[in-house]
N, C-alpha and C. Protein backbone atom coordinates (compact mmCIF):
# COMPACT_ATOMS: atom_id res chain seq x y z
N MET A 1 -10.51 -14.48 -16.13
CA MET A 1 -11.63 -14.70 -15.17
C MET A 1 -11.06 -13.72 -13.94
N ILE A 2 -12.00 -12.91 -13.50
CA ILE A 2 -11.69 -12.03 -12.47
C ILE A 2 -11.88 -12.71 -11.04
N LYS A 3 -10.73 -12.92 -10.35
CA LYS A 3 -10.93 -13.51 -8.88
C LYS A 3 -10.99 -12.63 -7.72
N ASN A 4 -10.46 -11.24 -7.99
CA ASN A 4 -10.53 -10.30 -6.85
C ASN A 4 -10.30 -9.00 -7.48
N LYS A 5 -11.00 -7.81 -6.97
CA LYS A 5 -10.97 -6.52 -7.54
C LYS A 5 -10.21 -5.82 -6.44
N GLU A 6 -8.87 -5.42 -6.67
CA GLU A 6 -8.10 -4.66 -5.77
C GLU A 6 -7.05 -4.11 -6.58
N GLU A 7 -6.76 -2.85 -6.16
CA GLU A 7 -5.68 -2.17 -6.88
C GLU A 7 -4.30 -2.72 -6.46
N ILE A 8 -3.47 -3.03 -7.34
CA ILE A 8 -2.03 -3.41 -7.07
C ILE A 8 -1.01 -2.72 -7.89
N SER A 9 0.06 -2.76 -7.31
CA SER A 9 1.09 -2.10 -7.92
C SER A 9 1.90 -2.73 -9.10
N LEU A 10 2.59 -2.19 -9.66
CA LEU A 10 3.26 -2.74 -10.89
C LEU A 10 4.27 -3.83 -10.53
N VAL A 11 4.79 -3.78 -9.26
CA VAL A 11 5.82 -4.71 -8.81
C VAL A 11 4.78 -6.09 -8.54
N GLU A 12 3.58 -5.89 -7.92
CA GLU A 12 2.79 -7.05 -7.79
C GLU A 12 2.23 -7.60 -9.17
N VAL A 13 1.90 -6.73 -10.17
CA VAL A 13 1.49 -7.19 -11.37
C VAL A 13 2.57 -8.04 -12.04
N LYS A 14 3.88 -7.63 -11.89
CA LYS A 14 4.96 -8.39 -12.45
C LYS A 14 5.25 -9.70 -11.69
N GLU A 15 5.01 -9.86 -10.45
CA GLU A 15 5.08 -11.13 -9.73
C GLU A 15 3.99 -11.92 -10.28
N LEU A 16 2.80 -11.56 -10.40
CA LEU A 16 1.71 -12.34 -10.83
C LEU A 16 1.77 -12.89 -12.22
N LEU A 17 2.51 -11.94 -13.10
CA LEU A 17 2.45 -12.32 -14.56
C LEU A 17 3.77 -13.40 -14.60
N ALA A 18 4.88 -13.11 -13.76
CA ALA A 18 5.78 -14.10 -13.69
C ALA A 18 5.37 -15.48 -13.20
N LYS A 19 4.43 -15.68 -12.64
CA LYS A 19 4.09 -17.02 -12.22
C LYS A 19 3.22 -17.65 -13.39
N GLU A 20 2.70 -16.79 -14.31
CA GLU A 20 1.89 -17.34 -15.28
C GLU A 20 2.82 -17.36 -16.79
N GLU A 21 3.91 -16.70 -16.61
CA GLU A 21 4.74 -16.74 -17.88
C GLU A 21 5.13 -18.11 -18.45
N ASP A 22 4.83 -18.31 -19.72
CA ASP A 22 5.47 -19.54 -20.33
C ASP A 22 5.78 -19.23 -21.64
N GLU A 23 6.50 -19.86 -22.37
CA GLU A 23 7.10 -19.62 -23.60
C GLU A 23 5.88 -19.49 -24.77
N GLU A 24 4.65 -20.07 -24.58
CA GLU A 24 3.65 -20.07 -25.43
C GLU A 24 2.88 -18.93 -25.55
N ASN A 25 2.73 -18.03 -24.38
CA ASN A 25 1.84 -16.93 -24.07
C ASN A 25 2.73 -15.59 -24.47
N LYS A 26 2.48 -15.41 -25.60
CA LYS A 26 3.23 -14.07 -26.04
C LYS A 26 2.91 -12.91 -25.33
N GLN A 27 1.42 -12.78 -25.23
CA GLN A 27 0.77 -11.42 -24.63
C GLN A 27 1.36 -11.29 -23.08
N ILE A 28 1.35 -12.46 -22.39
CA ILE A 28 2.04 -12.19 -21.02
C ILE A 28 3.51 -11.74 -21.11
N LYS A 29 4.24 -12.53 -21.98
CA LYS A 29 5.56 -12.28 -22.18
C LYS A 29 5.71 -10.75 -22.43
N ASP A 30 5.09 -10.24 -23.41
CA ASP A 30 5.20 -8.93 -23.86
C ASP A 30 4.95 -7.86 -22.72
N THR A 31 3.75 -8.18 -22.14
CA THR A 31 3.35 -7.36 -20.85
C THR A 31 4.47 -7.24 -19.96
N LEU A 32 4.77 -8.46 -19.58
CA LEU A 32 5.78 -8.66 -18.42
C LEU A 32 7.20 -7.81 -18.93
N SER A 33 7.57 -7.93 -20.13
CA SER A 33 8.80 -7.17 -20.59
C SER A 33 8.54 -5.75 -20.59
N HIS A 34 7.37 -5.11 -20.77
CA HIS A 34 7.02 -3.83 -20.89
C HIS A 34 6.98 -3.24 -19.33
N ILE A 35 6.56 -4.04 -18.47
CA ILE A 35 6.28 -3.58 -16.99
C ILE A 35 7.72 -3.79 -16.41
N LYS A 36 8.50 -4.51 -16.74
CA LYS A 36 10.09 -4.58 -16.24
C LYS A 36 10.78 -3.32 -16.42
N LYS A 37 10.33 -2.51 -17.59
CA LYS A 37 11.03 -1.23 -17.84
C LYS A 37 10.82 -0.15 -16.63
N PHE A 38 9.43 -0.30 -16.08
CA PHE A 38 9.00 0.70 -15.17
C PHE A 38 9.20 0.22 -13.67
N VAL A 39 9.25 -1.07 -13.35
CA VAL A 39 9.44 -1.31 -11.87
C VAL A 39 10.69 -1.04 -11.44
N LYS A 40 10.84 -0.15 -10.27
CA LYS A 40 11.89 0.09 -9.70
C LYS A 40 12.37 -0.35 -8.47
N LEU A 41 11.44 -1.23 -7.85
CA LEU A 41 11.71 -1.76 -6.54
C LEU A 41 11.49 -3.15 -6.54
N SER A 42 12.23 -3.91 -5.72
CA SER A 42 12.15 -5.43 -5.62
C SER A 42 10.65 -5.57 -4.85
N PRO A 43 10.16 -6.82 -5.18
CA PRO A 43 8.74 -7.27 -4.49
C PRO A 43 9.00 -7.01 -2.96
N GLU A 44 10.06 -7.43 -2.19
CA GLU A 44 10.28 -7.37 -0.86
C GLU A 44 10.11 -5.91 -0.39
N LYS A 45 10.98 -5.01 -1.06
CA LYS A 45 10.79 -3.50 -0.73
C LYS A 45 9.49 -2.83 -1.04
N ALA A 46 8.79 -3.29 -1.99
CA ALA A 46 7.44 -2.78 -2.38
C ALA A 46 6.43 -3.17 -1.21
N LYS A 47 6.58 -4.37 -0.81
CA LYS A 47 5.68 -5.01 0.27
C LYS A 47 5.98 -4.14 1.55
N LYS A 48 7.33 -4.07 1.89
CA LYS A 48 7.47 -3.30 3.04
C LYS A 48 7.15 -1.74 3.09
N MET A 49 7.29 -1.19 2.00
CA MET A 49 6.81 0.28 1.70
C MET A 49 5.36 0.32 1.89
N LYS A 50 4.72 -0.55 1.27
CA LYS A 50 3.20 -0.55 1.31
C LYS A 50 2.74 -0.84 2.94
N GLU A 51 3.32 -1.73 3.52
CA GLU A 51 2.88 -1.81 4.99
C GLU A 51 3.28 -0.52 5.87
N GLU A 52 4.39 -0.01 5.57
CA GLU A 52 4.78 1.30 6.37
C GLU A 52 3.98 2.38 6.01
N LEU A 53 3.47 2.44 4.66
CA LEU A 53 2.63 3.64 4.21
C LEU A 53 1.16 3.35 4.96
N LYS A 54 0.97 2.11 4.97
CA LYS A 54 -0.56 1.85 5.67
C LYS A 54 -0.31 2.10 7.16
N GLU A 55 0.76 1.80 7.82
CA GLU A 55 0.91 1.83 9.41
C GLU A 55 1.06 3.51 9.55
N LEU A 56 1.18 4.39 8.62
CA LEU A 56 1.14 5.79 8.95
C LEU A 56 -0.16 6.12 9.37
N ASP A 57 -1.01 5.50 8.99
CA ASP A 57 -2.57 5.70 9.33
C ASP A 57 -3.03 7.09 8.97
N ILE A 58 -2.73 7.36 7.82
CA ILE A 58 -3.19 8.79 7.13
C ILE A 58 -4.61 8.39 6.58
N ILE A 59 -5.65 8.83 7.02
CA ILE A 59 -7.02 8.48 6.67
C ILE A 59 -7.27 9.03 5.30
N LYS A 60 -6.63 10.06 4.81
CA LYS A 60 -6.88 10.58 3.46
C LYS A 60 -6.25 9.82 2.47
N ILE A 61 -5.41 8.97 2.56
CA ILE A 61 -4.85 8.08 1.47
C ILE A 61 -5.42 6.54 1.64
N GLY A 62 -5.84 6.15 0.46
CA GLY A 62 -6.34 4.80 0.52
C GLY A 62 -5.38 3.87 -0.24
N ASN A 63 -5.65 2.56 -0.26
CA ASN A 63 -5.00 1.68 -1.08
C ASN A 63 -4.58 2.09 -2.51
N ARG A 64 -5.55 2.72 -3.18
CA ARG A 64 -5.29 3.18 -4.60
C ARG A 64 -4.18 4.38 -4.58
N HIS A 65 -4.21 5.19 -3.68
CA HIS A 65 -3.08 6.16 -3.59
C HIS A 65 -1.69 5.63 -3.06
N ILE A 66 -1.68 4.51 -2.24
CA ILE A 66 -0.45 3.79 -1.82
C ILE A 66 0.17 3.23 -3.06
N VAL A 67 -0.60 2.54 -3.90
CA VAL A 67 -0.28 1.81 -4.95
C VAL A 67 0.43 3.00 -6.12
N LYS A 68 -0.29 4.07 -6.07
CA LYS A 68 0.41 4.99 -7.23
C LYS A 68 1.72 5.57 -6.42
N ILE A 69 1.86 5.75 -5.10
CA ILE A 69 3.12 6.17 -4.54
C ILE A 69 4.21 5.12 -4.90
N ILE A 70 3.77 3.74 -4.75
CA ILE A 70 4.92 2.84 -4.94
C ILE A 70 5.26 2.81 -6.36
N ASP A 71 4.34 2.87 -7.25
CA ASP A 71 4.70 2.78 -8.59
C ASP A 71 5.51 4.02 -9.16
N LEU A 72 5.25 5.22 -8.66
CA LEU A 72 5.87 6.40 -9.12
C LEU A 72 7.01 6.95 -8.23
N LEU A 73 7.07 6.51 -6.92
CA LEU A 73 8.15 6.99 -6.06
C LEU A 73 8.30 8.42 -6.14
N PRO A 74 7.71 9.22 -5.52
CA PRO A 74 7.75 10.74 -5.53
C PRO A 74 9.04 11.04 -4.73
N GLU A 75 9.58 12.20 -5.28
CA GLU A 75 10.88 12.66 -4.68
C GLU A 75 10.69 13.75 -3.68
N ASP A 76 9.81 14.37 -4.08
CA ASP A 76 9.53 15.71 -3.09
C ASP A 76 7.96 15.88 -3.05
N ALA A 77 7.68 16.88 -2.25
CA ALA A 77 6.20 17.25 -2.00
C ALA A 77 5.52 17.55 -3.32
N GLU A 78 6.18 18.33 -4.17
CA GLU A 78 5.50 18.55 -5.48
C GLU A 78 5.15 17.26 -6.23
N ASP A 79 6.04 16.34 -6.45
CA ASP A 79 5.76 15.07 -6.94
C ASP A 79 4.54 14.50 -6.34
N LEU A 80 4.60 14.32 -4.98
CA LEU A 80 3.48 13.67 -4.22
C LEU A 80 2.03 14.34 -4.53
N ARG A 81 2.10 15.72 -4.51
CA ARG A 81 0.97 16.42 -4.84
C ARG A 81 0.33 16.04 -6.13
N LYS A 82 1.29 15.90 -7.15
CA LYS A 82 1.04 15.65 -8.45
C LYS A 82 0.28 14.28 -8.54
N ILE A 83 0.85 13.29 -7.88
CA ILE A 83 0.21 11.96 -7.79
C ILE A 83 -1.08 11.98 -7.51
N LEU A 84 -1.43 12.71 -6.44
CA LEU A 84 -2.59 12.83 -5.82
C LEU A 84 -3.53 13.95 -6.36
N ALA A 85 -3.13 14.65 -7.28
CA ALA A 85 -4.04 15.66 -7.98
C ALA A 85 -5.16 14.98 -8.74
N GLY A 86 -6.19 15.63 -8.53
CA GLY A 86 -7.35 15.12 -9.14
C GLY A 86 -8.19 14.01 -8.24
N GLU A 87 -7.50 13.64 -7.22
CA GLU A 87 -8.16 12.80 -6.25
C GLU A 87 -8.75 13.39 -5.07
N GLU A 88 -8.79 14.64 -5.11
CA GLU A 88 -9.35 15.41 -4.02
C GLU A 88 -8.81 15.06 -2.64
N VAL A 89 -7.49 14.77 -2.54
CA VAL A 89 -6.77 14.51 -1.48
C VAL A 89 -5.91 15.71 -1.07
N SER A 90 -6.00 16.26 0.14
CA SER A 90 -5.21 17.44 0.44
C SER A 90 -4.45 17.00 1.71
N LEU A 91 -3.09 16.76 1.67
CA LEU A 91 -2.22 16.50 2.85
C LEU A 91 -1.64 17.72 3.45
N ASP A 92 -1.48 17.71 4.65
CA ASP A 92 -0.53 18.53 5.35
C ASP A 92 0.70 18.48 5.16
N GLU A 93 1.75 19.46 5.50
CA GLU A 93 3.16 19.22 5.40
C GLU A 93 3.62 17.94 6.14
N ASN A 94 3.13 17.77 7.47
CA ASN A 94 3.55 16.79 8.36
C ASN A 94 3.33 15.37 7.56
N GLU A 95 1.94 15.31 6.95
CA GLU A 95 1.63 13.95 6.28
C GLU A 95 2.53 13.53 5.08
N ILE A 96 2.84 14.69 4.43
CA ILE A 96 3.54 14.57 3.18
C ILE A 96 5.12 14.28 3.54
N ASN A 97 5.69 14.78 4.53
CA ASN A 97 7.10 14.48 5.02
C ASN A 97 7.07 13.02 5.56
N LYS A 98 5.96 12.55 6.15
CA LYS A 98 6.10 11.23 6.59
C LYS A 98 6.10 10.33 5.46
N ILE A 99 5.19 10.61 4.41
CA ILE A 99 5.17 9.60 3.26
C ILE A 99 6.50 9.67 2.61
N LEU A 100 6.98 10.90 2.35
CA LEU A 100 8.29 10.97 1.75
C LEU A 100 9.48 10.10 2.23
N GLU A 101 9.47 10.27 3.76
CA GLU A 101 10.62 9.45 4.48
C GLU A 101 10.50 7.96 4.27
N VAL A 102 9.29 7.39 4.01
CA VAL A 102 9.02 6.08 3.81
C VAL A 102 9.37 5.89 2.41
N VAL A 103 9.07 6.67 1.58
CA VAL A 103 9.62 6.29 0.14
C VAL A 103 11.13 6.26 0.02
N LYS A 104 11.75 7.44 0.68
CA LYS A 104 13.20 7.52 0.56
C LYS A 104 13.91 6.23 1.24
N LYS A 105 13.32 5.76 2.22
CA LYS A 105 13.82 4.62 3.03
C LYS A 105 13.89 3.39 2.27
N HIS A 106 12.99 3.30 1.17
CA HIS A 106 12.94 2.02 0.46
C HIS A 106 13.39 2.03 -0.97
N LYS A 107 13.82 3.40 -1.41
CA LYS A 107 14.35 3.51 -2.80
C LYS A 107 15.69 2.77 -2.83
């Protein structure tokens, strides 16, 4: 049953699945095992990063973009542009640098 429609990061998915995990549900267990391979941040760091990215108040990036940034943790401007490619988002150097500073701070 769908309770809410909102983009969430893999860290948040991991937290939600961990709450539902039990020995009987193999699908949840397998999904959680797979997600653990890709999650690089603790839930606390991911939440702080999400807050700080929102506080930058860059109108061009929305929650969907912030979730991608948290999941993929771009290391440089080129990585960030690749994440936003196809999204019709064009950031200037100042905006890119602000986002990358936040990412580096929480890695």
